[in-house]
Amino acid sequence: MKDTFYFTHDYNARQDFKIKRLMRKHGALGYGVFWSIIEDLYNNENALPLDYDCMSYDYHASVEVIQSVINDFELFTFSGSEFGSVSVQNRLDVRDKKSKNARDSARKRWSKATDNQSSNANALPTDSEGNANKEREEIKEIEEIKKEKDLLAKANSQNEILTDDKSDLSNSSLGSEKKEKEKTPAKKEKEKMQHWMSL
């Protein structure tokens, strides 16, 4: 389905004298045919061809009912081989005016924004531009986190190498000499005493 729009429907439409006459003659079928025609008028810029057979097929109603709904209750206006509705045209005009005003207002806002940013004043920002900036920032943050993790992993592996080197030193003769140098005088004295007592 293409773009779908809506139109205002007066909640008291059945209270209109012309509609009451329509319903008195054709009941809910006539009322349904009327609103089906209104929907089609909105979809076709308020102009439908007077093709009763086609509408009869489309609305599942007899040609006589279609002709009566269109011609007998002063609900529609005619122009050559087409018909429309004054009410539909008025509502379409209001919708078009609101749409134009909103478009003009948006252009004015964007032209101010682009003038302040000294960028191309003819280019309007896209809907996704804000999201794209957020995504770029998130990607940068992720890349920075990855770099930090890599640096930490590298530092940890270098630290492990240094620790392994220290343990190798302690097992070697150089390591024992280093241990001897690190002993405090009190420890040296204690070891001497234990040595002499063991004799």
Protein backbone atom coordinates (compact mmCIF):
# COMPACT_ATOMS: atom_id res chain seq x y z
CA MET A 1 0.00 0.00 0.00
CA LYS A 2 1.29 3.46 -0.86
CA ASP A 3 1.23 6.38 1.54
CA THR A 4 -1.88 6.27 3.68
CA PHE A 5 -3.54 9.48 4.79
CA TYR A 6 -6.58 10.14 6.88
CA PHE A 7 -9.39 12.61 6.58
CA THR A 8 -11.58 14.16 9.22
CA HIS A 9 -14.99 12.60 9.60
CA ASP A 10 -17.57 14.66 11.41
CA TYR A 11 -18.96 12.52 14.21
CA ASN A 12 -22.41 13.97 13.57
CA ALA A 13 -22.42 13.36 9.81
CA ARG A 14 -25.55 11.19 10.09
CA GLN A 15 -27.42 14.20 11.50
CA ASP A 16 -27.02 16.12 8.21
CA PHE A 17 -30.42 16.49 6.49
CA LYS A 18 -29.09 15.23 3.12
CA ILE A 19 -27.60 12.13 4.73
CA LYS A 20 -30.85 11.45 6.59
CA ARG A 21 -32.71 11.52 3.27
CA LEU A 22 -30.08 9.17 1.79
CA MET A 23 -30.44 6.70 4.68
CA ARG A 24 -34.24 6.85 4.59
CA LYS A 25 -34.13 5.68 0.97
CA HIS A 26 -31.12 3.29 0.93
CA GLY A 27 -30.38 2.52 4.60
CA ALA A 28 -26.89 1.55 5.72
CA LEU A 29 -26.03 0.42 2.17
CA GLY A 30 -26.50 3.98 0.88
CA TYR A 31 -24.49 5.37 3.82
CA GLY A 32 -21.67 2.90 3.16
CA VAL A 33 -21.64 3.73 -0.56
CA PHE A 34 -21.50 7.45 0.28
CA TRP A 35 -18.42 7.02 2.55
CA SER A 36 -16.76 4.71 0.01
CA ILE A 37 -17.16 7.44 -2.60
CA ILE A 38 -15.74 10.03 -0.15
CA GLU A 39 -12.66 7.83 0.45
CA ASP A 40 -12.13 7.47 -3.30
CA LEU A 41 -12.49 11.22 -3.79
CA TYR A 42 -9.73 11.83 -1.23
CA ASN A 43 -7.52 9.30 -3.03
CA ASN A 44 -8.15 10.94 -6.41
CA GLU A 45 -7.80 14.66 -5.71
CA ASN A 46 -11.57 15.11 -5.38
CA ALA A 47 -12.45 14.04 -8.92
CA LEU A 48 -14.00 10.72 -9.99
CA PRO A 49 -15.36 9.75 -13.39
CA LEU A 50 -19.09 9.12 -13.60
CA ASP A 51 -18.60 5.40 -14.29
CA TYR A 52 -21.57 3.88 -12.44
CA ASP A 53 -20.86 0.32 -13.62
CA CYS A 54 -17.29 0.40 -12.29
CA MET A 55 -18.41 1.86 -8.94
CA SER A 56 -21.22 -0.69 -8.74
CA TYR A 57 -18.67 -3.49 -9.09
CA ASP A 58 -16.21 -1.84 -6.68
CA TYR A 59 -18.77 -1.09 -3.94
CA HIS A 60 -20.85 -4.28 -4.38
CA ALA A 61 -24.04 -2.34 -4.87
CA SER A 62 -26.47 -2.02 -7.77
CA VAL A 63 -25.99 0.61 -10.48
CA GLU A 64 -29.33 2.14 -9.44
CA VAL A 65 -28.15 2.66 -5.83
CA ILE A 66 -24.85 4.19 -7.03
CA GLN A 67 -26.66 6.57 -9.40
CA SER A 68 -29.12 7.56 -6.70
CA VAL A 69 -26.44 8.22 -4.04
CA ILE A 70 -24.48 10.40 -6.46
CA ASN A 71 -27.36 12.26 -8.13
CA ASP A 72 -30.42 12.40 -5.85
CA PHE A 73 -29.27 14.02 -2.58
CA GLU A 74 -27.21 17.08 -3.58
CA LEU A 75 -24.13 15.59 -1.91
CA PHE A 76 -21.79 16.06 -4.88
CA THR A 77 -20.86 18.65 -7.53
CA PHE A 78 -20.41 17.86 -11.22
CA SER A 79 -17.97 19.04 -13.85
CA GLY A 80 -18.34 17.43 -17.27
CA SER A 81 -17.92 13.67 -16.91
CA GLU A 82 -16.49 13.90 -13.37
CA PHE A 83 -17.88 14.65 -9.94
CA GLY A 84 -16.50 15.71 -6.57
CA SER A 85 -17.46 17.13 -3.19
CA VAL A 86 -17.30 20.71 -1.90
CA SER A 87 -16.68 19.41 1.64
CA VAL A 88 -13.80 17.17 0.49
CA GLN A 89 -12.25 20.04 -1.47
CA ASN A 90 -12.44 22.37 1.55
CA ARG A 91 -10.69 19.78 3.75
CA LEU A 92 -8.04 19.09 1.10
CA ASP A 93 -7.36 22.83 0.84
CA VAL A 94 -6.92 23.08 4.63
CA ARG A 95 -4.58 20.04 4.64
CA ASP A 96 -2.52 21.44 1.75
CA LYS A 97 -2.25 24.84 3.44
CA LYS A 98 -1.06 23.27 6.72
CA SER A 99 1.44 21.13 4.83
CA LYS A 100 2.80 24.14 2.93
CA ASN A 101 3.11 26.19 6.14
CA ALA A 102 4.95 23.36 7.90
CA ARG A 103 7.30 22.92 4.92
CA ASP A 104 8.02 26.69 4.78
CA SER A 105 8.63 26.78 8.52
CA ALA A 106 11.05 23.84 8.33
CA ARG A 107 12.95 25.48 5.46
CA LYS A 108 13.22 28.69 7.45
CA ARG A 109 14.55 26.83 10.53
CA TRP A 110 17.09 24.85 8.51
CA SER A 111 18.28 27.89 6.60
CA LYS A 112 19.01 29.65 9.91
CA ALA A 113 20.84 26.59 11.21
CA THR A 114 22.93 26.18 8.08
CA ASP A 115 23.75 29.90 7.95
CA ASN A 116 25.07 29.69 11.51
CA GLN A 117 27.16 26.63 10.69
CA SER A 118 28.50 28.16 7.46
CA SER A 119 27.71 25.00 5.53
CA ASN A 120 25.90 24.49 2.25
CA ALA A 121 22.69 26.48 2.71
CA ASN A 122 20.92 24.50 -0.03
CA ALA A 123 21.33 21.17 1.74
CA LEU A 124 18.76 20.17 4.32
CA PRO A 125 19.93 17.80 7.07
CA THR A 126 18.62 14.27 6.76
CA ASP A 127 16.54 12.53 9.42
CA SER A 128 19.35 10.06 10.11
CA GLU A 129 22.17 12.61 10.42
CA GLY A 130 21.85 12.79 14.23
CA ASN A 131 21.95 9.00 14.49
CA ALA A 132 24.98 8.81 12.22
CA ASN A 133 26.91 11.19 14.48
CA LYS A 134 26.02 9.09 17.54
CA GLU A 135 27.13 5.91 15.78
CA ARG A 136 30.48 7.47 14.83
CA GLU A 137 31.04 8.51 18.46
CA GLU A 138 30.17 5.01 19.70
CA ILE A 139 32.58 3.45 17.20
CA LYS A 140 35.37 5.78 18.39
CA GLU A 141 34.68 4.82 22.01
CA ILE A 142 34.79 1.11 21.15
CA GLU A 143 38.07 1.56 19.29
CA GLU A 144 39.57 3.42 22.25
CA ILE A 145 38.47 0.66 24.64
CA LYS A 146 40.06 -1.96 22.35
CA LYS A 147 43.32 0.02 22.28
CA GLU A 148 43.34 0.26 26.08
CA LYS A 149 42.72 -3.51 26.39
CA ASP A 150 45.55 -4.23 23.96
CA LEU A 151 47.91 -1.97 25.92
CA LEU A 152 46.94 -3.66 29.20
CA ALA A 153 47.42 -7.11 27.71
CA LYS A 154 50.82 -6.08 26.39
CA ALA A 155 51.84 -4.62 29.75
CA ASN A 156 50.66 -7.77 31.56
CA SER A 157 52.66 -10.02 29.26
CA GLN A 158 55.78 -7.87 29.76
CA ASN A 159 55.19 -7.96 33.51
CA GLU A 160 54.99 -11.78 33.40
CA ILE A 161 58.32 -11.89 31.56
CA LEU A 162 59.91 -9.71 34.23
CA THR A 163 58.46 -11.88 36.99
CA ASP A 164 59.78 -15.03 35.28
CA ASP A 165 63.21 -13.40 34.97
CA LYS A 166 63.22 -12.60 38.70
CA SER A 167 62.35 -16.17 39.64
CA ASP A 168 65.09 -17.43 37.32
CA LEU A 169 67.56 -15.13 39.07
CA SER A 170 66.57 -16.39 42.49
CA ASN A 171 67.23 -19.98 41.41
CA SER A 172 70.63 -19.20 39.96
CA SER A 173 73.89 -18.59 41.81
CA LEU A 174 73.60 -14.90 41.06
CA GLY A 175 70.24 -14.99 42.71
CA SER A 176 71.68 -16.55 45.87
CA GLU A 177 74.37 -13.89 46.01
CA LYS A 178 71.69 -11.26 45.68
CA LYS A 179 69.76 -12.91 48.52
CA GLU A 180 72.87 -12.82 50.68
CA LYS A 181 73.21 -9.08 50.07
CA GLU A 182 69.56 -8.50 50.92
CA LYS A 183 69.81 -10.17 54.37
CA THR A 184 69.76 -7.86 57.35
CA PRO A 185 72.53 -8.04 59.96
CA ALA A 186 70.10 -9.58 62.48
CA LYS A 187 69.26 -12.41 60.06
CA LYS A 188 72.94 -13.03 59.38
CA GLU A 189 73.62 -13.24 63.10
CA LYS A 190 70.75 -15.65 63.65
CA GLU A 191 71.98 -17.94 60.85
CA LYS A 192 75.51 -17.98 62.33
CA MET A 193 74.11 -18.95 65.72
CA GLN A 194 72.06 -21.77 64.24
CA HIS A 195 75.13 -23.00 62.36
CA TRP A 196 77.30 -23.06 65.48
CA MET A 197 74.62 -24.74 67.55
CA SER A 198 74.20 -27.48 65.06
CA LEU A 199 77.93 -28.40 65.48
